[in-house]
N, C-alpha and C. Protein backbone atom coordinates (compact mmCIF):
# COMPACT_ATOMS: atom_id res chain seq x y z
N MET A 1 10.45 27.63 -10.97
CA MET A 1 10.07 26.32 -10.49
C MET A 1 11.17 25.83 -9.54
N PRO A 2 10.82 25.55 -8.27
CA PRO A 2 11.82 25.05 -7.32
C PRO A 2 12.37 23.69 -7.74
N LYS A 3 13.67 23.53 -7.52
CA LYS A 3 14.34 22.26 -7.80
C LYS A 3 14.69 21.59 -6.48
N ILE A 4 14.28 20.34 -6.33
CA ILE A 4 14.54 19.60 -5.10
C ILE A 4 15.31 18.33 -5.44
N PHE A 5 16.43 18.13 -4.77
CA PHE A 5 17.27 16.95 -4.96
C PHE A 5 17.02 16.03 -3.77
N VAL A 6 16.57 14.81 -4.03
CA VAL A 6 16.28 13.83 -2.98
C VAL A 6 17.28 12.69 -3.09
N ALA A 7 18.03 12.46 -2.01
CA ALA A 7 19.04 11.41 -2.00
C ALA A 7 18.72 10.38 -0.91
N ASP A 8 18.57 9.15 -1.33
CA ASP A 8 18.32 8.03 -0.41
C ASP A 8 18.63 6.76 -1.18
N ASP A 9 19.24 5.78 -0.51
CA ASP A 9 19.54 4.53 -1.21
C ASP A 9 18.30 3.68 -1.41
N SER A 10 17.20 4.04 -0.78
CA SER A 10 15.93 3.34 -0.98
C SER A 10 15.08 4.11 -1.99
N ALA A 11 14.80 3.47 -3.12
CA ALA A 11 13.95 4.09 -4.14
C ALA A 11 12.55 4.38 -3.59
N LEU A 12 12.05 3.51 -2.71
CA LEU A 12 10.74 3.72 -2.12
C LEU A 12 10.74 4.96 -1.21
N ALA A 13 11.79 5.15 -0.45
CA ALA A 13 11.89 6.33 0.41
C ALA A 13 11.95 7.60 -0.42
N ARG A 14 12.69 7.57 -1.54
CA ARG A 14 12.73 8.74 -2.42
C ARG A 14 11.34 9.03 -2.98
N ALA A 15 10.65 7.99 -3.42
CA ALA A 15 9.31 8.17 -3.99
C ALA A 15 8.34 8.71 -2.94
N PHE A 16 8.41 8.22 -1.72
CA PHE A 16 7.55 8.70 -0.64
C PHE A 16 7.81 10.18 -0.37
N THR A 17 9.06 10.57 -0.30
CA THR A 17 9.42 11.97 -0.04
C THR A 17 8.91 12.87 -1.16
N ILE A 18 9.13 12.47 -2.39
CA ILE A 18 8.70 13.26 -3.55
C ILE A 18 7.18 13.36 -3.58
N LYS A 19 6.49 12.26 -3.37
CA LYS A 19 5.02 12.25 -3.40
C LYS A 19 4.46 13.17 -2.31
N SER A 20 5.07 13.14 -1.14
CA SER A 20 4.62 14.01 -0.04
C SER A 20 4.71 15.47 -0.43
N ILE A 21 5.83 15.85 -1.01
CA ILE A 21 6.02 17.25 -1.40
C ILE A 21 5.09 17.63 -2.54
N GLN A 22 4.89 16.72 -3.49
CA GLN A 22 3.97 17.00 -4.60
C GLN A 22 2.55 17.26 -4.08
N MET A 23 2.16 16.57 -3.04
CA MET A 23 0.81 16.73 -2.50
C MET A 23 0.70 17.94 -1.56
N SER A 24 1.79 18.63 -1.28
CA SER A 24 1.82 19.66 -0.26
C SER A 24 1.29 21.01 -0.69
N GLY A 25 1.23 21.27 -1.96
CA GLY A 25 0.83 22.61 -2.40
C GLY A 25 2.02 23.47 -2.75
N VAL A 26 3.26 22.96 -2.55
CA VAL A 26 4.42 23.70 -3.02
C VAL A 26 4.30 23.74 -4.54
N PRO A 27 4.36 24.93 -5.12
CA PRO A 27 4.10 25.02 -6.56
C PRO A 27 5.13 24.26 -7.39
N ASP A 28 4.62 23.51 -8.38
CA ASP A 28 5.39 22.80 -9.40
C ASP A 28 6.88 22.70 -9.14
N CYS A 29 7.28 21.66 -8.48
CA CYS A 29 8.69 21.42 -8.22
C CYS A 29 9.26 20.47 -9.26
N GLU A 30 10.53 20.63 -9.53
CA GLU A 30 11.26 19.70 -10.37
C GLU A 30 12.13 18.86 -9.44
N PHE A 31 12.03 17.54 -9.55
CA PHE A 31 12.73 16.64 -8.64
C PHE A 31 13.89 15.94 -9.33
N PHE A 32 14.95 15.76 -8.56
CA PHE A 32 16.13 15.03 -9.01
C PHE A 32 16.41 13.99 -7.94
N GLU A 33 16.89 12.83 -8.34
CA GLU A 33 17.10 11.75 -7.40
C GLU A 33 18.51 11.21 -7.48
N ALA A 34 18.99 10.73 -6.32
CA ALA A 34 20.29 10.07 -6.25
C ALA A 34 20.21 8.99 -5.18
N ALA A 35 21.00 7.93 -5.36
CA ALA A 35 21.01 6.81 -4.42
C ALA A 35 22.06 6.99 -3.33
N ASN A 36 22.92 8.02 -3.48
CA ASN A 36 23.93 8.28 -2.45
C ASN A 36 24.49 9.69 -2.63
N GLY A 37 25.27 10.12 -1.66
CA GLY A 37 25.82 11.47 -1.69
C GLY A 37 26.81 11.71 -2.82
N LEU A 38 27.51 10.67 -3.22
CA LEU A 38 28.45 10.80 -4.33
C LEU A 38 27.72 11.17 -5.62
N GLU A 39 26.57 10.53 -5.86
CA GLU A 39 25.76 10.87 -7.03
C GLU A 39 25.27 12.32 -6.95
N VAL A 40 24.94 12.77 -5.76
CA VAL A 40 24.51 14.17 -5.58
C VAL A 40 25.66 15.10 -6.00
N MET A 41 26.84 14.83 -5.46
CA MET A 41 27.98 15.71 -5.75
C MET A 41 28.35 15.71 -7.23
N GLU A 42 28.13 14.59 -7.91
CA GLU A 42 28.44 14.52 -9.35
C GLU A 42 27.48 15.37 -10.18
N GLN A 43 26.26 15.59 -9.69
CA GLN A 43 25.24 16.27 -10.48
C GLN A 43 24.86 17.66 -9.99
N ILE A 44 25.15 17.98 -8.75
CA ILE A 44 24.55 19.15 -8.11
C ILE A 44 24.90 20.49 -8.77
N LYS A 45 26.12 20.64 -9.24
CA LYS A 45 26.49 21.93 -9.84
C LYS A 45 25.77 22.18 -11.16
N ASN A 46 25.37 21.13 -11.84
CA ASN A 46 24.59 21.29 -13.07
C ASN A 46 23.13 21.60 -12.76
N ILE A 47 22.66 21.16 -11.61
CA ILE A 47 21.25 21.33 -11.24
C ILE A 47 21.03 22.60 -10.41
N MET A 48 21.92 22.86 -9.47
CA MET A 48 21.80 23.97 -8.51
C MET A 48 20.39 23.99 -7.89
N PRO A 49 20.07 22.97 -7.09
CA PRO A 49 18.73 22.87 -6.50
C PRO A 49 18.46 23.93 -5.45
N ASP A 50 17.18 24.13 -5.17
CA ASP A 50 16.75 25.05 -4.13
C ASP A 50 16.71 24.37 -2.77
N LEU A 51 16.74 23.04 -2.77
CA LEU A 51 16.68 22.25 -1.55
C LEU A 51 17.26 20.87 -1.82
N VAL A 52 18.04 20.36 -0.85
CA VAL A 52 18.52 18.98 -0.89
C VAL A 52 17.95 18.27 0.33
N ILE A 53 17.33 17.12 0.10
CA ILE A 53 16.82 16.28 1.18
C ILE A 53 17.57 14.96 1.07
N SER A 54 18.31 14.61 2.12
CA SER A 54 19.18 13.45 2.04
C SER A 54 19.03 12.54 3.25
N ASP A 55 19.09 11.24 2.99
CA ASP A 55 19.17 10.26 4.05
C ASP A 55 20.56 10.36 4.68
N ILE A 56 20.67 9.94 5.94
CA ILE A 56 21.98 9.97 6.59
C ILE A 56 22.79 8.71 6.29
N ASN A 57 22.11 7.56 6.19
CA ASN A 57 22.79 6.27 5.99
C ASN A 57 22.68 5.83 4.54
N MET A 58 23.74 6.12 3.78
CA MET A 58 23.79 5.73 2.37
C MET A 58 25.19 5.20 2.07
N PRO A 59 25.30 4.34 1.07
CA PRO A 59 26.63 3.85 0.68
C PRO A 59 27.41 4.94 -0.07
N LYS A 60 28.70 4.74 -0.16
CA LYS A 60 29.65 5.58 -0.92
C LYS A 60 29.87 6.95 -0.29
N CYS A 61 28.82 7.70 -0.02
CA CYS A 61 28.94 9.01 0.62
C CYS A 61 27.66 9.22 1.41
N ASN A 62 27.75 9.16 2.74
CA ASN A 62 26.55 9.27 3.58
C ASN A 62 26.12 10.73 3.74
N GLY A 63 25.04 10.93 4.46
CA GLY A 63 24.48 12.26 4.62
C GLY A 63 25.39 13.24 5.35
N ILE A 64 26.17 12.75 6.31
CA ILE A 64 27.09 13.63 7.04
C ILE A 64 28.22 14.07 6.10
N ASP A 65 28.80 13.12 5.36
CA ASP A 65 29.86 13.49 4.40
C ASP A 65 29.33 14.43 3.33
N LEU A 66 28.10 14.18 2.87
CA LEU A 66 27.48 15.08 1.90
C LEU A 66 27.33 16.48 2.49
N SER A 67 26.88 16.56 3.72
CA SER A 67 26.73 17.86 4.40
C SER A 67 28.07 18.59 4.46
N ARG A 68 29.11 17.88 4.84
CA ARG A 68 30.45 18.49 4.92
C ARG A 68 30.89 19.02 3.56
N ARG A 69 30.69 18.21 2.52
CA ARG A 69 31.11 18.61 1.18
C ARG A 69 30.34 19.82 0.67
N LEU A 70 29.03 19.82 0.90
CA LEU A 70 28.21 20.95 0.45
C LEU A 70 28.60 22.23 1.18
N LYS A 71 28.75 22.14 2.49
CA LYS A 71 29.04 23.34 3.28
C LYS A 71 30.46 23.85 3.05
N ALA A 72 31.38 22.99 2.59
CA ALA A 72 32.75 23.40 2.31
C ALA A 72 32.91 24.06 0.94
N ASP A 73 31.93 23.92 0.08
CA ASP A 73 32.00 24.45 -1.28
C ASP A 73 31.29 25.80 -1.34
N THR A 74 32.00 26.84 -1.70
CA THR A 74 31.42 28.19 -1.69
C THR A 74 30.25 28.35 -2.65
N GLU A 75 30.22 27.55 -3.72
CA GLU A 75 29.10 27.61 -4.67
C GLU A 75 27.85 26.91 -4.13
N LEU A 76 28.03 25.97 -3.21
CA LEU A 76 26.93 25.12 -2.76
C LEU A 76 26.52 25.33 -1.31
N CYS A 77 27.31 26.06 -0.56
CA CYS A 77 27.11 26.14 0.89
C CYS A 77 25.80 26.79 1.32
N ASP A 78 25.17 27.56 0.45
CA ASP A 78 23.91 28.21 0.81
C ASP A 78 22.67 27.40 0.42
N ILE A 79 22.85 26.24 -0.19
CA ILE A 79 21.70 25.40 -0.55
C ILE A 79 21.16 24.78 0.73
N PRO A 80 19.87 24.99 1.02
CA PRO A 80 19.29 24.39 2.23
C PRO A 80 19.36 22.86 2.16
N LEU A 81 19.71 22.25 3.29
CA LEU A 81 19.88 20.82 3.37
C LEU A 81 19.05 20.27 4.53
N VAL A 82 18.26 19.24 4.23
CA VAL A 82 17.47 18.53 5.23
C VAL A 82 17.98 17.10 5.26
N ILE A 83 18.23 16.58 6.46
CA ILE A 83 18.72 15.22 6.63
C ILE A 83 17.62 14.35 7.23
N MET A 84 17.45 13.16 6.66
CA MET A 84 16.51 12.16 7.18
C MET A 84 17.34 11.08 7.87
N SER A 85 16.93 10.71 9.09
CA SER A 85 17.73 9.74 9.83
C SER A 85 16.86 8.79 10.64
N SER A 86 17.21 7.52 10.60
CA SER A 86 16.53 6.55 11.46
C SER A 86 17.34 6.33 12.73
N ALA A 87 18.53 6.88 12.78
CA ALA A 87 19.39 6.74 13.96
C ALA A 87 19.17 7.91 14.91
N GLY A 88 19.24 7.63 16.17
CA GLY A 88 19.06 8.68 17.18
C GLY A 88 20.37 9.13 17.78
N ASN A 89 21.46 9.06 17.04
CA ASN A 89 22.78 9.39 17.52
C ASN A 89 22.90 10.89 17.78
N LYS A 90 23.06 11.27 19.05
CA LYS A 90 23.14 12.69 19.42
C LYS A 90 24.38 13.37 18.85
N GLU A 91 25.49 12.64 18.80
CA GLU A 91 26.72 13.22 18.27
C GLU A 91 26.56 13.58 16.80
N GLN A 92 25.92 12.69 16.02
CA GLN A 92 25.68 12.98 14.61
C GLN A 92 24.76 14.19 14.47
N ARG A 93 23.71 14.23 15.28
CA ARG A 93 22.78 15.36 15.21
C ARG A 93 23.49 16.68 15.53
N MET A 94 24.34 16.67 16.53
CA MET A 94 25.07 17.88 16.90
C MET A 94 26.00 18.32 15.77
N GLU A 95 26.69 17.35 15.15
CA GLU A 95 27.57 17.68 14.03
C GLU A 95 26.78 18.27 12.87
N LEU A 96 25.63 17.68 12.57
CA LEU A 96 24.79 18.19 11.49
C LEU A 96 24.30 19.60 11.78
N GLU A 97 23.92 19.85 13.02
CA GLU A 97 23.49 21.20 13.40
C GLU A 97 24.65 22.18 13.26
N ASP A 98 25.87 21.77 13.68
CA ASP A 98 27.05 22.62 13.53
C ASP A 98 27.37 22.91 12.07
N LEU A 99 27.05 21.96 11.20
CA LEU A 99 27.28 22.15 9.76
C LEU A 99 26.24 23.06 9.12
N GLY A 100 25.18 23.38 9.86
CA GLY A 100 24.17 24.28 9.32
C GLY A 100 23.03 23.61 8.59
N VAL A 101 22.79 22.32 8.89
CA VAL A 101 21.66 21.62 8.28
C VAL A 101 20.36 22.31 8.73
N CYS A 102 19.44 22.52 7.81
CA CYS A 102 18.18 23.22 8.11
C CYS A 102 17.28 22.44 9.05
N ALA A 103 17.24 21.11 8.86
CA ALA A 103 16.35 20.28 9.68
C ALA A 103 16.84 18.84 9.64
N ILE A 104 16.51 18.12 10.70
CA ILE A 104 16.80 16.70 10.77
C ILE A 104 15.47 16.00 11.02
N LEU A 105 15.06 15.19 10.07
CA LEU A 105 13.80 14.46 10.17
C LEU A 105 14.08 13.05 10.67
N SER A 106 13.39 12.63 11.71
CA SER A 106 13.54 11.26 12.22
C SER A 106 12.64 10.34 11.42
N LYS A 107 13.22 9.23 10.93
CA LYS A 107 12.44 8.22 10.23
C LYS A 107 11.84 7.28 11.25
N PRO A 108 10.67 6.80 11.04
CA PRO A 108 9.80 7.16 9.92
C PRO A 108 9.13 8.51 10.21
N PHE A 109 9.04 9.34 9.21
CA PHE A 109 8.37 10.62 9.35
C PHE A 109 7.05 10.57 8.61
N THR A 110 6.19 11.50 8.93
CA THR A 110 4.88 11.56 8.27
C THR A 110 4.96 12.52 7.09
N PRO A 111 4.06 12.39 6.14
CA PRO A 111 4.02 13.37 5.05
C PRO A 111 3.89 14.80 5.58
N ALA A 112 3.12 14.98 6.64
CA ALA A 112 2.93 16.32 7.18
C ALA A 112 4.25 16.94 7.64
N GLU A 113 5.16 16.12 8.18
CA GLU A 113 6.45 16.64 8.65
C GLU A 113 7.32 17.11 7.48
N ILE A 114 7.41 16.32 6.43
CA ILE A 114 8.23 16.72 5.28
C ILE A 114 7.60 17.91 4.57
N ILE A 115 6.29 17.94 4.53
CA ILE A 115 5.58 19.07 3.92
C ILE A 115 5.87 20.36 4.69
N GLN A 116 5.80 20.30 6.00
CA GLN A 116 6.05 21.49 6.82
C GLN A 116 7.45 22.05 6.55
N ILE A 117 8.44 21.18 6.53
CA ILE A 117 9.81 21.63 6.31
C ILE A 117 9.98 22.19 4.89
N ALA A 118 9.47 21.48 3.89
CA ALA A 118 9.61 21.94 2.51
C ALA A 118 8.92 23.28 2.30
N THR A 119 7.74 23.45 2.87
CA THR A 119 7.02 24.71 2.67
C THR A 119 7.68 25.85 3.44
N GLU A 120 8.29 25.56 4.58
CA GLU A 120 9.01 26.62 5.30
C GLU A 120 10.20 27.11 4.48
N ILE A 121 10.86 26.19 3.80
CA ILE A 121 12.04 26.55 3.01
C ILE A 121 11.67 27.13 1.66
N LEU A 122 10.69 26.52 0.97
CA LEU A 122 10.36 26.91 -0.40
C LEU A 122 9.14 27.80 -0.54
N GLY A 123 8.30 27.84 0.48
CA GLY A 123 7.04 28.57 0.38
C GLY A 123 5.93 27.63 -0.06
N ASN A 124 4.69 28.09 0.08
CA ASN A 124 3.53 27.24 -0.23
C ASN A 124 2.39 28.12 -0.68
N SER A 125 1.82 27.77 -1.82
CA SER A 125 0.70 28.56 -2.34
C SER A 125 -0.64 28.13 -1.78
N ASP A 126 -0.73 26.94 -1.17
CA ASP A 126 -2.01 26.41 -0.71
C ASP A 126 -2.08 26.19 0.79
N THR A 127 -1.33 26.93 1.61
CA THR A 127 -1.30 26.62 3.03
C THR A 127 -2.67 26.74 3.69
N GLU A 128 -3.51 27.65 3.23
CA GLU A 128 -4.84 27.75 3.84
C GLU A 128 -5.72 26.57 3.49
N ASP A 129 -5.48 25.95 2.32
CA ASP A 129 -6.33 24.86 1.87
C ASP A 129 -5.94 23.50 2.43
N SER A 130 -4.70 23.33 2.86
CA SER A 130 -4.28 22.01 3.32
C SER A 130 -4.48 21.89 4.82
N GLU A 131 -4.91 20.72 5.22
CA GLU A 131 -5.12 20.45 6.63
C GLU A 131 -4.38 19.18 6.99
N GLU A 132 -3.53 19.25 8.06
CA GLU A 132 -2.77 18.09 8.48
C GLU A 132 -3.67 16.93 8.85
N ASP A 133 -4.86 17.21 9.38
CA ASP A 133 -5.74 16.15 9.86
C ASP A 133 -6.23 15.24 8.75
N ASP A 134 -6.08 15.64 7.47
CA ASP A 134 -6.58 14.84 6.37
C ASP A 134 -5.65 13.69 5.99
N TRP A 135 -4.41 13.64 6.52
CA TRP A 135 -3.49 12.60 6.13
C TRP A 135 -4.02 11.25 6.54
N GLY A 136 -3.95 10.33 5.59
CA GLY A 136 -4.40 8.97 5.84
C GLY A 136 -5.89 8.79 5.64
N SER A 137 -6.58 9.81 5.19
CA SER A 137 -8.01 9.67 4.97
C SER A 137 -8.25 8.85 3.70
N GLU A 138 -9.48 8.41 3.53
CA GLU A 138 -9.80 7.58 2.36
C GLU A 138 -9.56 8.32 1.06
N SER A 139 -9.71 9.64 1.06
CA SER A 139 -9.52 10.39 -0.18
C SER A 139 -8.06 10.36 -0.64
N ASP A 140 -7.11 10.14 0.25
CA ASP A 140 -5.71 10.07 -0.11
C ASP A 140 -5.30 8.67 -0.51
N GLU A 141 -6.12 7.68 -0.21
CA GLU A 141 -5.73 6.29 -0.38
C GLU A 141 -5.30 5.96 -1.80
N GLY A 142 -6.00 6.46 -2.79
CA GLY A 142 -5.66 6.16 -4.18
C GLY A 142 -4.28 6.67 -4.55
N GLU A 143 -3.96 7.92 -4.19
CA GLU A 143 -2.66 8.46 -4.55
C GLU A 143 -1.54 7.72 -3.84
N TRP A 144 -1.70 7.43 -2.55
CA TRP A 144 -0.65 6.74 -1.80
C TRP A 144 -0.57 5.28 -2.22
N GLY A 145 -1.69 4.69 -2.59
CA GLY A 145 -1.68 3.30 -3.03
C GLY A 145 -0.90 3.12 -4.32
N ASP A 146 -0.84 4.15 -5.16
CA ASP A 146 -0.12 4.08 -6.43
C ASP A 146 1.39 4.21 -6.24
N LEU A 147 1.83 4.59 -5.06
CA LEU A 147 3.24 4.86 -4.81
C LEU A 147 4.12 3.67 -5.14
N GLU A 148 3.72 2.48 -4.73
CA GLU A 148 4.54 1.30 -4.97
C GLU A 148 4.62 0.95 -6.44
N GLU A 149 3.68 1.42 -7.25
CA GLU A 149 3.68 1.10 -8.66
C GLU A 149 4.47 2.10 -9.48
N ASP A 150 4.87 3.24 -8.88
CA ASP A 150 5.62 4.24 -9.63
C ASP A 150 6.92 3.65 -10.14
N GLU A 151 7.29 4.03 -11.37
CA GLU A 151 8.54 3.55 -11.96
C GLU A 151 9.70 4.01 -11.10
N GLY A 152 10.62 3.12 -10.85
CA GLY A 152 11.79 3.47 -10.04
C GLY A 152 11.53 3.41 -8.55
N ALA A 153 10.34 3.04 -8.15
CA ALA A 153 10.03 3.03 -6.72
C ALA A 153 10.18 1.64 -6.12
N GLN A 154 10.83 0.76 -6.83
CA GLN A 154 11.03 -0.58 -6.30
C GLN A 154 12.11 -0.53 -5.23
N GLN A 155 11.86 -1.14 -4.11
CA GLN A 155 12.79 -1.11 -2.99
C GLN A 155 13.60 -2.40 -2.95
N ASN A 156 14.88 -2.26 -2.78
CA ASN A 156 15.73 -3.42 -2.57
C ASN A 156 15.70 -3.72 -1.08
N THR A 157 14.93 -4.70 -0.68
CA THR A 157 14.69 -4.95 0.73
C THR A 157 15.95 -5.39 1.46
N GLU A 158 16.90 -6.00 0.76
CA GLU A 158 18.13 -6.40 1.44
C GLU A 158 18.96 -5.19 1.83
N GLU A 159 19.03 -4.17 0.98
CA GLU A 159 19.83 -2.99 1.26
C GLU A 159 19.19 -2.09 2.30
N THR A 160 17.87 -2.02 2.35
CA THR A 160 17.21 -1.04 3.18
C THR A 160 16.40 -1.63 4.31
N GLU A 161 16.49 -2.92 4.53
CA GLU A 161 15.70 -3.56 5.57
C GLU A 161 16.02 -2.89 6.91
N GLY A 162 14.98 -2.56 7.65
CA GLY A 162 15.13 -1.91 8.94
C GLY A 162 15.21 -0.39 8.83
N GLU A 163 15.41 0.14 7.65
CA GLU A 163 15.50 1.57 7.44
C GLU A 163 14.17 2.24 7.67
N TRP A 164 13.06 1.55 7.27
CA TRP A 164 11.73 2.13 7.42
C TRP A 164 10.94 1.31 8.36
């Protein structure tokens, strides 16, 4: 079972990312969450995830610092890392690419974008069955509508305002 660590200071953004991957057809993933890079570093060696998806702008330890720490650690340097960013800073993007980040997702991203990246890294058992054109259809409305009600998915609007 693939293990995915999602780090973002917005609980809603973490829930959106997890829900997107759950709907993607990637077989039964186990998810771990953190509100910042420091929390990731405190837990990661016990979890040893198959993929880390991290926001770039977080308190205590941002996505760039997290990338540096992961890539500098011989036990962790091979874990694929995807960075989510609402900033278009070219220097940051170049540094992340130099650090070996697998992908940089620009916020706001669509479920199809996160699904594509996760399935490229982890594989997908249902790629023939899923169609990108179905996103946002009425059949998805119930699952996406429940997102705000998920436990832990409450967003602190003061901390994350403008992020999404």
